[in-house]
Amino acid sequence: RRHTRLQGDWSSDVCSSDLDHPDKCDIFIHDDPSRGMNINISSHSVVYRATNQHSNIMDYVPIMLKSKEIHVIESSFMHLVECMKEFEGYEGKLVVHKIRKYYPLEAPILKKNWNYV
């Protein structure tokens, strides 16, 4: 049974009963290995790598909010963090991995304090 919250308290664990996620996630990663866009992080931290097995991007919001770091390619996950008010108070590290060759550094203009790699 799927419970998806489109608004409300995202700090809650209740988002999707079929999303297997750890209680503690140090680093959240969204990349696209099927297209050769890989984010490789050498770390002893707990890493959660988003897959495309879930049809709703919102299922990942609680995991992202609990993570100490969010690493993304130039993708819908980057825009999700930019647009949702729940991420306004996010105190973790935000990292965009510049993997897509057709994405110029200047575009899009991001409001959050992203680090570029």
PDB file of N, CA and C in Angstrom:
ATOM      1  N   ARG A   1       0.841  -1.181   0.000  1.00  0.00           N
ATOM      2  CA  ARG A   1       0.000   0.000   0.000  1.00  0.00           C
ATOM      3  C   ARG A   1       0.879   1.235   0.000  1.00  0.00           C
ATOM      4  N   ARG A   2       0.571   2.175  -0.833  1.00  0.00           N
ATOM      5  CA  ARG A   2       1.412   3.357  -1.000  1.00  0.00           C
ATOM      6  C   ARG A   2       0.750   4.569  -0.360  1.00  0.00           C
ATOM      7  N   HIS A   3       1.535   5.295   0.444  1.00  0.00           N
ATOM      8  CA  HIS A   3       1.048   6.525   1.074  1.00  0.00           C
ATOM      9  C   HIS A   3       1.989   7.644   0.646  1.00  0.00           C
ATOM     10  N   THR A   4       1.568   8.480  -0.235  1.00  0.00           N
ATOM     11  CA  THR A   4       2.421   9.565  -0.702  1.00  0.00           C
ATOM     12  C   THR A   4       1.879  10.885  -0.187  1.00  0.00           C
ATOM     13  N   ARG A   5       2.748  11.651   0.443  1.00  0.00           N
ATOM     14  CA  ARG A   5       2.367  12.965   0.945  1.00  0.00           C
ATOM     15  C   ARG A   5       2.784  14.007  -0.058  1.00  0.00           C
ATOM     16  N   LEU A   6       1.867  14.826  -0.477  1.00  0.00           N
ATOM     17  CA  LEU A   6       2.196  15.912  -1.386  1.00  0.00           C
ATOM     18  C   LEU A   6       2.366  17.223  -0.641  1.00  0.00           C
ATOM     19  N   GLN A   7       1.913  17.258   0.590  1.00  0.00           N
ATOM     20  CA  GLN A   7       2.133  18.431   1.423  1.00  0.00           C
ATOM     21  C   GLN A   7       2.111  17.978   2.869  1.00  0.00           C
ATOM     22  N   GLY A   8       2.574  18.807   3.750  1.00  0.00           N
ATOM     23  CA  GLY A   8       2.569  18.450   5.159  1.00  0.00           C
ATOM     24  C   GLY A   8       3.954  18.366   5.742  1.00  0.00           C
ATOM     25  N   ASP A   9       4.097  17.550   6.773  1.00  0.00           N
ATOM     26  CA  ASP A   9       5.339  17.463   7.524  1.00  0.00           C
ATOM     27  C   ASP A   9       6.255  16.412   6.911  1.00  0.00           C
ATOM     28  N   TRP A  10       7.259  16.884   6.171  1.00  0.00           N
ATOM     29  CA  TRP A  10       8.175  15.952   5.524  1.00  0.00           C
ATOM     30  C   TRP A  10       9.224  15.417   6.480  1.00  0.00           C
ATOM     31  N   SER A  11       9.277  15.911   7.697  1.00  0.00           N
ATOM     32  CA  SER A  11      10.241  15.376   8.652  1.00  0.00           C
ATOM     33  C   SER A  11       9.779  14.025   9.187  1.00  0.00           C
ATOM     34  N   SER A  12       8.545  13.671   8.911  1.00  0.00           N
ATOM     35  CA  SER A  12       7.982  12.400   9.342  1.00  0.00           C
ATOM     36  C   SER A  12       8.545  11.255   8.513  1.00  0.00           C
ATOM     37  N   ASP A  13       8.605  10.067   9.105  1.00  0.00           N
ATOM     38  CA  ASP A  13       9.042   8.884   8.382  1.00  0.00           C
ATOM     39  C   ASP A  13       7.973   8.366   7.428  1.00  0.00           C
ATOM     40  N   VAL A  14       6.754   8.822   7.586  1.00  0.00           N
ATOM     41  CA  VAL A  14       5.650   8.272   6.811  1.00  0.00           C
ATOM     42  C   VAL A  14       5.598   8.938   5.449  1.00  0.00           C
ATOM     43  N   CYS A  15       6.023   8.230   4.447  1.00  0.00           N
ATOM     44  CA  CYS A  15       5.919   8.738   3.088  1.00  0.00           C
ATOM     45  C   CYS A  15       5.439   7.636   2.180  1.00  0.00           C
ATOM     46  N   SER A  16       6.175   6.551   2.135  1.00  0.00           N
ATOM     47  CA  SER A  16       5.793   5.449   1.279  1.00  0.00           C
ATOM     48  C   SER A  16       6.160   4.147   1.965  1.00  0.00           C
ATOM     49  N   SER A  17       5.179   3.277   2.122  1.00  0.00           N
ATOM     50  CA  SER A  17       5.420   2.030   2.837  1.00  0.00           C
ATOM     51  C   SER A  17       6.261   1.055   2.032  1.00  0.00           C
ATOM     52  N   ASP A  18       6.401   1.266   0.716  1.00  0.00           N
ATOM     53  CA  ASP A  18       7.187   0.331  -0.082  1.00  0.00           C
ATOM     54  C   ASP A  18       8.591   0.842  -0.382  1.00  0.00           C
ATOM     55  N   LEU A  19       8.970   1.978   0.156  1.00  0.00           N
ATOM     56  CA  LEU A  19      10.299   2.529  -0.076  1.00  0.00           C
ATOM     57  C   LEU A  19      11.225   2.067   1.032  1.00  0.00           C
ATOM     58  N   ASP A  20      12.162   1.217   0.676  1.00  0.00           N
ATOM     59  CA  ASP A  20      13.094   0.679   1.653  1.00  0.00           C
ATOM     60  C   ASP A  20      14.221   1.683   1.855  1.00  0.00           C
ATOM     61  N   HIS A  21      14.216   2.373   2.984  1.00  0.00           N
ATOM     62  CA  HIS A  21      15.256   3.369   3.229  1.00  0.00           C
ATOM     63  C   HIS A  21      15.786   3.231   4.655  1.00  0.00           C
ATOM     64  N   PRO A  22      17.058   3.557   4.822  1.00  0.00           N
ATOM     65  CA  PRO A  22      17.642   3.466   6.155  1.00  0.00           C
ATOM     66  C   PRO A  22      17.156   4.590   7.061  1.00  0.00           C
ATOM     67  N   ASP A  23      17.148   4.325   8.361  1.00  0.00           N
ATOM     68  CA  ASP A  23      16.766   5.367   9.314  1.00  0.00           C
ATOM     69  C   ASP A  23      17.787   6.495   9.320  1.00  0.00           C
ATOM     70  N   LYS A  24      19.024   6.139   9.103  1.00  0.00           N
ATOM     71  CA  LYS A  24      20.092   7.135   9.095  1.00  0.00           C
ATOM     72  C   LYS A  24      20.786   7.078   7.741  1.00  0.00           C
ATOM     73  N   CYS A  25      20.799   8.179   7.058  1.00  0.00           N
ATOM     74  CA  CYS A  25      21.445   8.244   5.754  1.00  0.00           C
ATOM     75  C   CYS A  25      22.355   9.461   5.764  1.00  0.00           C
ATOM     76  N   ASP A  26      23.632   9.244   5.607  1.00  0.00           N
ATOM     77  CA  ASP A  26      24.571  10.357   5.606  1.00  0.00           C
ATOM     78  C   ASP A  26      24.590  11.088   4.262  1.00  0.00           C
ATOM     79  N   ILE A  27      24.576  10.305   3.179  1.00  0.00           N
ATOM     80  CA  ILE A  27      24.701  10.890   1.844  1.00  0.00           C
ATOM     81  C   ILE A  27      23.613  10.333   0.930  1.00  0.00           C
ATOM     82  N   PHE A  28      22.864  11.231   0.299  1.00  0.00           N
ATOM     83  CA  PHE A  28      21.860  10.864  -0.695  1.00  0.00           C
ATOM     84  C   PHE A  28      22.447  11.158  -2.066  1.00  0.00           C
ATOM     85  N   ILE A  29      22.344  10.201  -2.995  1.00  0.00           N
ATOM     86  CA  ILE A  29      22.889  10.381  -4.339  1.00  0.00           C
ATOM     87  C   ILE A  29      21.810  10.119  -5.375  1.00  0.00           C
ATOM     88  N   HIS A  30      21.707  11.030  -6.342  1.00  0.00           N
ATOM     89  CA  HIS A  30      20.910  10.752  -7.534  1.00  0.00           C
ATOM     90  C   HIS A  30      21.794  10.974  -8.753  1.00  0.00           C
ATOM     91  N   ASP A  31      22.040   9.876  -9.482  1.00  0.00           N
ATOM     92  CA  ASP A  31      22.796   9.947 -10.722  1.00  0.00           C
ATOM     93  C   ASP A  31      22.061   9.095 -11.759  1.00  0.00           C
ATOM     94  N   ASP A  32      22.685   8.834 -12.882  1.00  0.00           N
ATOM     95  CA  ASP A  32      22.047   8.052 -13.944  1.00  0.00           C
ATOM     96  C   ASP A  32      23.075   7.143 -14.608  1.00  0.00           C
ATOM     97  N   PRO A  33      23.433   6.044 -13.926  1.00  0.00           N
ATOM     98  CA  PRO A  33      24.445   5.129 -14.470  1.00  0.00           C
ATOM     99  C   PRO A  33      24.080   4.546 -15.831  1.00  0.00           C
ATOM    100  N   SER A  34      22.790   4.392 -16.116  1.00  0.00           N
ATOM    101  CA  SER A  34      22.384   3.818 -17.397  1.00  0.00           C
ATOM    102  C   SER A  34      22.809   4.695 -18.578  1.00  0.00           C
ATOM    103  N   ARG A  35      23.050   5.983 -18.315  1.00  0.00           N
ATOM    104  CA  ARG A  35      23.510   6.907 -19.356  1.00  0.00           C
ATOM    105  C   ARG A  35      24.959   7.336 -19.142  1.00  0.00           C
ATOM    106  N   GLY A  36      25.656   6.625 -18.273  1.00  0.00           N
ATOM    107  CA  GLY A  36      27.063   6.937 -18.037  1.00  0.00           C
ATOM    108  C   GLY A  36      27.299   8.138 -17.143  1.00  0.00           C
ATOM    109  N   MET A  37      26.282   8.573 -16.412  1.00  0.00           N
ATOM    110  CA  MET A  37      26.425   9.719 -15.509  1.00  0.00           C
ATOM    111  C   MET A  37      26.477   9.202 -14.067  1.00  0.00           C
ATOM    112  N   ASN A  38      27.680   8.874 -13.624  1.00  0.00           N
ATOM    113  CA  ASN A  38      27.884   8.268 -12.312  1.00  0.00           C
ATOM    114  C   ASN A  38      28.478   9.260 -11.318  1.00  0.00           C
ATOM    115  N   ILE A  39      27.980   9.210 -10.114  1.00  0.00           N
ATOM    116  CA  ILE A  39      28.576   9.961  -9.014  1.00  0.00           C
ATOM    117  C   ILE A  39      29.277   8.943  -8.134  1.00  0.00           C
ATOM    118  N   ASN A  40      30.580   9.064  -8.054  1.00  0.00           N
ATOM    119  CA  ASN A  40      31.373   8.154  -7.232  1.00  0.00           C
ATOM    120  C   ASN A  40      31.892   8.898  -6.019  1.00  0.00           C
ATOM    121  N   ILE A  41      31.563   8.386  -4.855  1.00  0.00           N
ATOM    122  CA  ILE A  41      31.999   9.012  -3.610  1.00  0.00           C
ATOM    123  C   ILE A  41      32.744   7.976  -2.789  1.00  0.00           C
ATOM    124  N   SER A  42      33.970   8.302  -2.433  1.00  0.00           N
ATOM    125  CA  SER A  42      34.751   7.435  -1.544  1.00  0.00           C
ATOM    126  C   SER A  42      34.486   7.883  -0.126  1.00  0.00           C
ATOM    127  N   SER A  43      33.735   7.092   0.590  1.00  0.00           N
ATOM    128  CA  SER A  43      33.361   7.483   1.934  1.00  0.00           C
ATOM    129  C   SER A  43      32.979   6.250   2.740  1.00  0.00           C
ATOM    130  N   HIS A  44      33.162   6.361   4.038  1.00  0.00           N
ATOM    131  CA  HIS A  44      32.723   5.297   4.943  1.00  0.00           C
ATOM    132  C   HIS A  44      31.346   5.630   5.506  1.00  0.00           C
ATOM    133  N   SER A  45      30.706   6.628   4.941  1.00  0.00           N
ATOM    134  CA  SER A  45      29.389   7.055   5.394  1.00  0.00           C
ATOM    135  C   SER A  45      28.311   6.128   4.834  1.00  0.00           C
ATOM    136  N   VAL A  46      27.126   6.213   5.422  1.00  0.00           N
ATOM    137  CA  VAL A  46      25.976   5.481   4.910  1.00  0.00           C
ATOM    138  C   VAL A  46      25.462   6.238   3.693  1.00  0.00           C
ATOM    139  N   VAL A  47      25.421   5.570   2.547  1.00  0.00           N
ATOM    140  CA  VAL A  47      25.026   6.206   1.296  1.00  0.00           C
ATOM    141  C   VAL A  47      23.725   5.592   0.805  1.00  0.00           C
ATOM    142  N   TYR A  48      22.780   6.432   0.432  1.00  0.00           N
ATOM    143  CA  TYR A  48      21.540   5.975  -0.203  1.00  0.00           C
ATOM    144  C   TYR A  48      21.561   6.457  -1.636  1.00  0.00           C
ATOM    145  N   ARG A  49      21.511   5.521  -2.576  1.00  0.00           N
ATOM    146  CA  ARG A  49      21.525   5.868  -3.996  1.00  0.00           C
ATOM    147  C   ARG A  49      20.112   5.695  -4.548  1.00  0.00           C
ATOM    148  N   ALA A  50      19.523   6.790  -5.018  1.00  0.00           N
ATOM    149  CA  ALA A  50      18.174   6.742  -5.583  1.00  0.00           C
ATOM    150  C   ALA A  50      18.196   5.939  -6.872  1.00  0.00           C
ATOM    151  N   THR A  51      17.173   5.165  -7.060  1.00  0.00           N
ATOM    152  CA  THR A  51      17.013   4.420  -8.309  1.00  0.00           C
ATOM    153  C   THR A  51      15.725   4.904  -8.965  1.00  0.00           C
ATOM    154  N   ASN A  52      15.498   4.469 -10.156  1.00  0.00           N
ATOM    155  CA  ASN A  52      14.280   4.867 -10.853  1.00  0.00           C
ATOM    156  C   ASN A  52      13.170   3.839 -10.671  1.00  0.00           C
ATOM    157  N   GLN A  53      13.281   3.020  -9.634  1.00  0.00           N
ATOM    158  CA  GLN A  53      12.268   1.999  -9.412  1.00  0.00           C
ATOM    159  C   GLN A  53      10.983   2.564  -8.819  1.00  0.00           C
ATOM    160  N   HIS A  54      11.016   3.764  -8.310  1.00  0.00           N
ATOM    161  CA  HIS A  54       9.830   4.375  -7.725  1.00  0.00           C
ATOM    162  C   HIS A  54       9.301   5.433  -8.682  1.00  0.00           C
ATOM    163  N   SER A  55       8.011   5.396  -8.930  1.00  0.00           N
ATOM    164  CA  SER A  55       7.430   6.274  -9.941  1.00  0.00           C
ATOM    165  C   SER A  55       7.232   7.701  -9.457  1.00  0.00           C
ATOM    166  N   ASN A  56       7.370   7.946  -8.166  1.00  0.00           N
ATOM    167  CA  ASN A  56       7.106   9.279  -7.636  1.00  0.00           C
ATOM    168  C   ASN A  56       8.358   9.832  -6.967  1.00  0.00           C
ATOM    169  N   ILE A  57       8.893  10.897  -7.512  1.00  0.00           N
ATOM    170  CA  ILE A  57      10.105  11.520  -6.973  1.00  0.00           C
ATOM    171  C   ILE A  57       9.903  11.979  -5.526  1.00  0.00           C
ATOM    172  N   MET A  58       8.656  12.267  -5.170  1.00  0.00           N
ATOM    173  CA  MET A  58       8.359  12.739  -3.820  1.00  0.00           C
ATOM    174  C   MET A  58       8.644  11.679  -2.759  1.00  0.00           C
ATOM    175  N   ASP A  59       8.689  10.416  -3.149  1.00  0.00           N
ATOM    176  CA  ASP A  59       8.987   9.343  -2.200  1.00  0.00           C
ATOM    177  C   ASP A  59      10.364   9.528  -1.555  1.00  0.00           C
ATOM    178  N   TYR A  60      11.263  10.207  -2.245  1.00  0.00           N
ATOM    179  CA  TYR A  60      12.630  10.361  -1.760  1.00  0.00           C
ATOM    180  C   TYR A  60      12.820  11.562  -0.833  1.00  0.00           C
ATOM    181  N   VAL A  61      11.852  12.441  -0.753  1.00  0.00           N
ATOM    182  CA  VAL A  61      11.999  13.678   0.024  1.00  0.00           C
ATOM    183  C   VAL A  61      12.374  13.424   1.481  1.00  0.00           C
ATOM    184  N   PRO A  62      11.708  12.511   2.211  1.00  0.00           N
ATOM    185  CA  PRO A  62      12.094  12.300   3.616  1.00  0.00           C
ATOM    186  C   PRO A  62      13.539  11.845   3.780  1.00  0.00           C
ATOM    187  N   ILE A  63      14.006  10.999   2.875  1.00  0.00           N
ATOM    188  CA  ILE A  63      15.395  10.528   2.937  1.00  0.00           C
ATOM    189  C   ILE A  63      16.345  11.687   2.678  1.00  0.00           C
ATOM    190  N   MET A  64      16.031  12.499   1.694  1.00  0.00           N
ATOM    191  CA  MET A  64      16.879  13.637   1.365  1.00  0.00           C
ATOM    192  C   MET A  64      16.958  14.621   2.531  1.00  0.00           C
ATOM    193  N   LEU A  65      15.829  14.895   3.163  1.00  0.00           N
ATOM    194  CA  LEU A  65      15.809  15.842   4.274  1.00  0.00           C
ATOM    195  C   LEU A  65      16.614  15.349   5.475  1.00  0.00           C
ATOM    196  N   LYS A  66      16.704  14.041   5.662  1.00  0.00           N
ATOM    197  CA  LYS A  66      17.466  13.480   6.781  1.00  0.00           C
ATOM    198  C   LYS A  66      18.953  13.352   6.482  1.00  0.00           C
ATOM    199  N   SER A  67      19.319  13.418   5.217  1.00  0.00           N
ATOM    200  CA  SER A  67      20.717  13.234   4.823  1.00  0.00           C
ATOM    201  C   SER A  67      21.564  14.435   5.200  1.00  0.00           C
ATOM    202  N   LYS A  68      22.816  14.163   5.494  1.00  0.00           N
ATOM    203  CA  LYS A  68      23.768  15.233   5.796  1.00  0.00           C
ATOM    204  C   LYS A  68      24.277  15.894   4.522  1.00  0.00           C
ATOM    205  N   GLU A  69      24.241  15.136   3.416  1.00  0.00           N
ATOM    206  CA  GLU A  69      24.681  15.648   2.120  1.00  0.00           C
ATOM    207  C   GLU A  69      23.737  15.135   1.044  1.00  0.00           C
ATOM    208  N   ILE A  70      23.469  15.987   0.052  1.00  0.00           N
ATOM    209  CA  ILE A  70      22.691  15.600  -1.118  1.00  0.00           C
ATOM    210  C   ILE A  70      23.569  15.830  -2.334  1.00  0.00           C
ATOM    211  N   HIS A  71      23.839  14.763  -3.076  1.00  0.00           N
ATOM    212  CA  HIS A  71      24.649  14.827  -4.287  1.00  0.00           C
ATOM    213  C   HIS A  71      23.763  14.473  -5.470  1.00  0.00           C
ATOM    214  N   VAL A  72      23.694  15.361  -6.469  1.00  0.00           N
ATOM    215  CA  VAL A  72      22.849  15.131  -7.632  1.00  0.00           C
ATOM    216  C   VAL A  72      23.577  15.526  -8.910  1.00  0.00           C
ATOM    217  N   ILE A  73      23.102  14.986 -10.026  1.00  0.00           N
ATOM    218  CA  ILE A  73      23.504  15.509 -11.324  1.00  0.00           C
ATOM    219  C   ILE A  73      22.491  16.599 -11.658  1.00  0.00           C
ATOM    220  N   GLU A  74      22.664  17.261 -12.780  1.00  0.00           N
ATOM    221  CA  GLU A  74      21.700  18.278 -13.195  1.00  0.00           C
ATOM    222  C   GLU A  74      20.434  17.542 -13.616  1.00  0.00           C
ATOM    223  N   SER A  75      19.471  17.487 -12.706  1.00  0.00           N
ATOM    224  CA  SER A  75      18.306  16.636 -12.921  1.00  0.00           C
ATOM    225  C   SER A  75      17.091  17.176 -12.176  1.00  0.00           C
ATOM    226  N   SER A  76      16.022  16.426 -12.255  1.00  0.00           N
ATOM    227  CA  SER A  76      14.792  16.810 -11.562  1.00  0.00           C
ATOM    228  C   SER A  76      15.001  16.852 -10.052  1.00  0.00           C
ATOM    229  N   PHE A  77      15.912  16.056  -9.516  1.00  0.00           N
ATOM    230  CA  PHE A  77      16.177  16.079  -8.073  1.00  0.00           C
ATOM    231  C   PHE A  77      16.789  17.416  -7.668  1.00  0.00           C
ATOM    232  N   MET A  78      17.645  17.970  -8.499  1.00  0.00           N
ATOM    233  CA  MET A  78      18.232  19.279  -8.224  1.00  0.00           C
ATOM    234  C   MET A  78      17.122  20.340  -8.182  1.00  0.00           C
ATOM    235  N   HIS A  79      16.218  20.284  -9.149  1.00  0.00           N
ATOM    236  CA  HIS A  79      15.123  21.255  -9.195  1.00  0.00           C
ATOM    237  C   HIS A  79      14.128  21.042  -8.058  1.00  0.00           C
ATOM    238  N   LEU A  80      13.955  19.810  -7.631  1.00  0.00           N
ATOM    239  CA  LEU A  80      13.085  19.517  -6.493  1.00  0.00           C
ATOM    240  C   LEU A  80      13.592  20.226  -5.242  1.00  0.00           C
ATOM    241  N   VAL A  81      14.886  20.102  -4.976  1.00  0.00           N
ATOM    242  CA  VAL A  81      15.484  20.760  -3.811  1.00  0.00           C
ATOM    243  C   VAL A  81      15.347  22.276  -3.937  1.00  0.00           C
ATOM    244  N   GLU A  82      15.536  22.794  -5.131  1.00  0.00           N
ATOM    245  CA  GLU A  82      15.425  24.233  -5.364  1.00  0.00           C
ATOM    246  C   GLU A  82      14.020  24.764  -5.112  1.00  0.00           C
ATOM    247  N   CYS A  83      13.018  23.990  -5.464  1.00  0.00           N
ATOM    248  CA  CYS A  83      11.635  24.495  -5.477  1.00  0.00           C
ATOM    249  C   CYS A  83      10.828  24.230  -4.207  1.00  0.00           C
ATOM    250  N   MET A  84      11.128  23.177  -3.483  1.00  0.00           N
ATOM    251  CA  MET A  84      10.290  22.827  -2.332  1.00  0.00           C
ATOM    252  C   MET A  84      10.657  23.645  -1.105  1.00  0.00           C
ATOM    253  N   LYS A  85       9.657  24.210  -0.461  1.00  0.00           N
ATOM    254  CA  LYS A  85       9.901  25.028   0.729  1.00  0.00           C
ATOM    255  C   LYS A  85      10.484  24.200   1.871  1.00  0.00           C
ATOM    256  N   GLU A  86      10.251  22.895   1.867  1.00  0.00           N
ATOM    257  CA  GLU A  86      10.798  22.038   2.926  1.00  0.00           C
ATOM    258  C   GLU A  86      12.320  22.051   2.946  1.00  0.00           C
ATOM    259  N   PHE A  87      12.953  22.368   1.827  1.00  0.00           N
ATOM    260  CA  PHE A  87      14.417  22.401   1.764  1.00  0.00           C
ATOM    261  C   PHE A  87      14.991  23.779   2.105  1.00  0.00           C
ATOM    262  N   GLU A  88      14.151  24.763   2.387  1.00  0.00           N
ATOM    263  CA  GLU A  88      14.644  26.100   2.708  1.00  0.00           C
ATOM    264  C   GLU A  88      15.520  26.113   3.951  1.00  0.00           C
ATOM    265  N   GLY A  89      15.208  25.308   4.931  1.00  0.00           N
ATOM    266  CA  GLY A  89      16.001  25.266   6.150  1.00  0.00           C
ATOM    267  C   GLY A  89      17.012  24.134   6.181  1.00  0.00           C
ATOM    268  N   TYR A  90      17.232  23.492   5.052  1.00  0.00           N
ATOM    269  CA  TYR A  90      18.157  22.357   4.999  1.00  0.00           C
ATOM    270  C   TYR A  90      19.570  22.824   5.341  1.00  0.00           C
ATOM    271  N   GLU A  91      20.188  22.173   6.312  1.00  0.00           N
ATOM    272  CA  GLU A  91      21.504  22.603   6.794  1.00  0.00           C
ATOM    273  C   GLU A  91      22.645  21.739   6.284  1.00  0.00           C
ATOM    274  N   GLY A  92      22.304  20.696   5.535  1.00  0.00           N
ATOM    275  CA  GLY A  92      23.343  19.810   5.014  1.00  0.00           C
ATOM    276  C   GLY A  92      24.043  20.402   3.801  1.00  0.00           C
ATOM    277  N   LYS A  93      24.960  19.635   3.275  1.00  0.00           N
ATOM    278  CA  LYS A  93      25.745  20.066   2.120  1.00  0.00           C
ATOM    279  C   LYS A  93      25.015  19.684   0.831  1.00  0.00           C
ATOM    280  N   LEU A  94      24.894  20.628  -0.093  1.00  0.00           N
ATOM    281  CA  LEU A  94      24.279  20.398  -1.396  1.00  0.00           C
ATOM    282  C   LEU A  94      25.370  20.394  -2.462  1.00  0.00           C
ATOM    283  N   VAL A  95      25.400  19.329  -3.269  1.00  0.00           N
ATOM    284  CA  VAL A  95      26.451  19.205  -4.282  1.00  0.00           C
ATOM    285  C   VAL A  95      25.833  18.839  -5.630  1.00  0.00           C
ATOM    286  N   VAL A  96      26.162  19.632  -6.655  1.00  0.00           N
ATOM    287  CA  VAL A  96      25.784  19.314  -8.030  1.00  0.00           C
ATOM    288  C   VAL A  96      27.027  18.809  -8.736  1.00  0.00           C
ATOM    289  N   HIS A  97      26.942  17.621  -9.293  1.00  0.00           N
ATOM    290  CA  HIS A  97      28.042  17.048 -10.066  1.00  0.00           C
ATOM    291  C   HIS A  97      27.806  17.387 -11.532  1.00  0.00           C
ATOM    292  N   LYS A  98      28.677  18.229 -12.075  1.00  0.00           N
ATOM    293  CA  LYS A  98      28.548  18.717 -13.455  1.00  0.00           C
ATOM    294  C   LYS A  98      28.982  17.607 -14.416  1.00  0.00           C
ATOM    295  N   ILE A  99      28.053  16.740 -14.733  1.00  0.00           N
ATOM    296  CA  ILE A  99      28.344  15.596 -15.594  1.00  0.00           C
ATOM    297  C   ILE A  99      27.789  15.811 -16.998  1.00  0.00           C
ATOM    298  N   ARG A 100      26.637  16.459 -17.088  1.00  0.00           N
ATOM    299  CA  ARG A 100      26.004  16.663 -18.395  1.00  0.00           C
ATOM    300  C   ARG A 100      26.767  17.721 -19.171  1.00  0.00           C
ATOM    301  N   LYS A 101      27.223  17.365 -20.334  1.00  0.00           N
ATOM    302  CA  LYS A 101      28.047  18.270 -21.134  1.00  0.00           C
ATOM    303  C   LYS A 101      27.242  19.422 -21.728  1.00  0.00           C
ATOM    304  N   TYR A 102      25.955  19.226 -21.951  1.00  0.00           N
ATOM    305  CA  TYR A 102      25.151  20.272 -22.579  1.00  0.00           C
ATOM    306  C   TYR A 102      24.544  21.234 -21.566  1.00  0.00           C
ATOM    307  N   TYR A 103      24.859  21.093 -20.290  1.00  0.00           N
ATOM    308  CA  TYR A 103      24.339  21.991 -19.252  1.00  0.00           C
ATOM    309  C   TYR A 103      25.400  23.043 -18.965  1.00  0.00           C
ATOM    310  N   PRO A 104      25.246  24.265 -19.434  1.00  0.00           N
ATOM    311  CA  PRO A 104      26.260  25.292 -19.147  1.00  0.00           C
ATOM    312  C   PRO A 104      26.296  25.630 -17.654  1.00  0.00           C
ATOM    313  N   LEU A 105      27.432  26.062 -17.178  1.00  0.00           N
ATOM    314  CA  LEU A 105      27.600  26.376 -15.755  1.00  0.00           C
ATOM    315  C   LEU A 105      26.630  27.457 -15.294  1.00  0.00           C
ATOM    316  N   GLU A 106      26.326  28.405 -16.154  1.00  0.00           N
ATOM    317  CA  GLU A 106      25.469  29.518 -15.756  1.00  0.00           C
ATOM    318  C   GLU A 106      23.987  29.147 -15.692  1.00  0.00           C
ATOM    319  N   ALA A 107      23.573  28.072 -16.311  1.00  0.00           N
ATOM    320  CA  ALA A 107      22.143  27.750 -16.370  1.00  0.00           C
ATOM    321  C   ALA A 107      21.907  26.368 -15.768  1.00  0.00           C
ATOM    322  N   PRO A 108      20.904  26.195 -15.029  1.00  0.00           N
ATOM    323  CA  PRO A 108      19.979  27.205 -14.545  1.00  0.00           C
ATOM    324  C   PRO A 108      20.565  27.971 -13.363  1.00  0.00           C
ATOM    325  N   ILE A 109      19.975  29.095 -13.054  1.00  0.00           N
ATOM    326  CA  ILE A 109      20.414  29.881 -11.905  1.00  0.00           C
ATOM    327  C   ILE A 109      19.797  29.260 -10.662  1.00  0.00           C
ATOM    328  N   LEU A 110      20.637  28.849  -9.742  1.00  0.00           N
ATOM    329  CA  LEU A 110      20.177  28.176  -8.534  1.00  0.00           C
ATOM    330  C   LEU A 110      20.225  29.122  -7.343  1.00  0.00           C
ATOM    331  N   LYS A 111      19.231  29.013  -6.478  1.00  0.00           N
ATOM    332  CA  LYS A 111      19.126  29.911  -5.321  1.00  0.00           C
ATOM    333  C   LYS A 111      19.830  29.362  -4.088  1.00  0.00           C
ATOM    334  N   LYS A 112      19.865  28.057  -3.970  1.00  0.00           N
ATOM    335  CA  LYS A 112      20.451  27.441  -2.777  1.00  0.00           C
ATOM    336  C   LYS A 112      21.973  27.481  -2.851  1.00  0.00           C
ATOM    337  N   ASN A 113      22.610  27.200  -1.746  1.00  0.00           N
ATOM    338  CA  ASN A 113      24.058  27.250  -1.646  1.00  0.00           C
ATOM    339  C   ASN A 113      24.667  25.919  -2.119  1.00  0.00           C
ATOM    340  N   TRP A 114      24.658  25.709  -3.427  1.00  0.00           N
ATOM    341  CA  TRP A 114      25.175  24.480  -4.020  1.00  0.00           C
ATOM    342  C   TRP A 114      26.690  24.546  -4.184  1.00  0.00           C
ATOM    343  N   ASN A 115      27.332  23.423  -4.019  1.00  0.00           N
ATOM    344  CA  ASN A 115      28.742  23.256  -4.341  1.00  0.00           C
ATOM    345  C   ASN A 115      28.792  22.548  -5.686  1.00  0.00           C
ATOM    346  N   TYR A 116      29.673  22.984  -6.577  1.00  0.00           N
ATOM    347  CA  TYR A 116      29.796  22.375  -7.893  1.00  0.00           C
ATOM    348  C   TYR A 116      31.049  21.528  -7.964  1.00  0.00           C
ATOM    349  N   VAL A 117      30.882  20.319  -8.486  1.00  0.00           N
ATOM    350  CA  VAL A 117      32.012  19.388  -8.639  1.00  0.00           C
ATOM    351  C   VAL A 117      32.100  19.008 -10.105  1.00  0.00           C
TER     352      VAL A 117
END
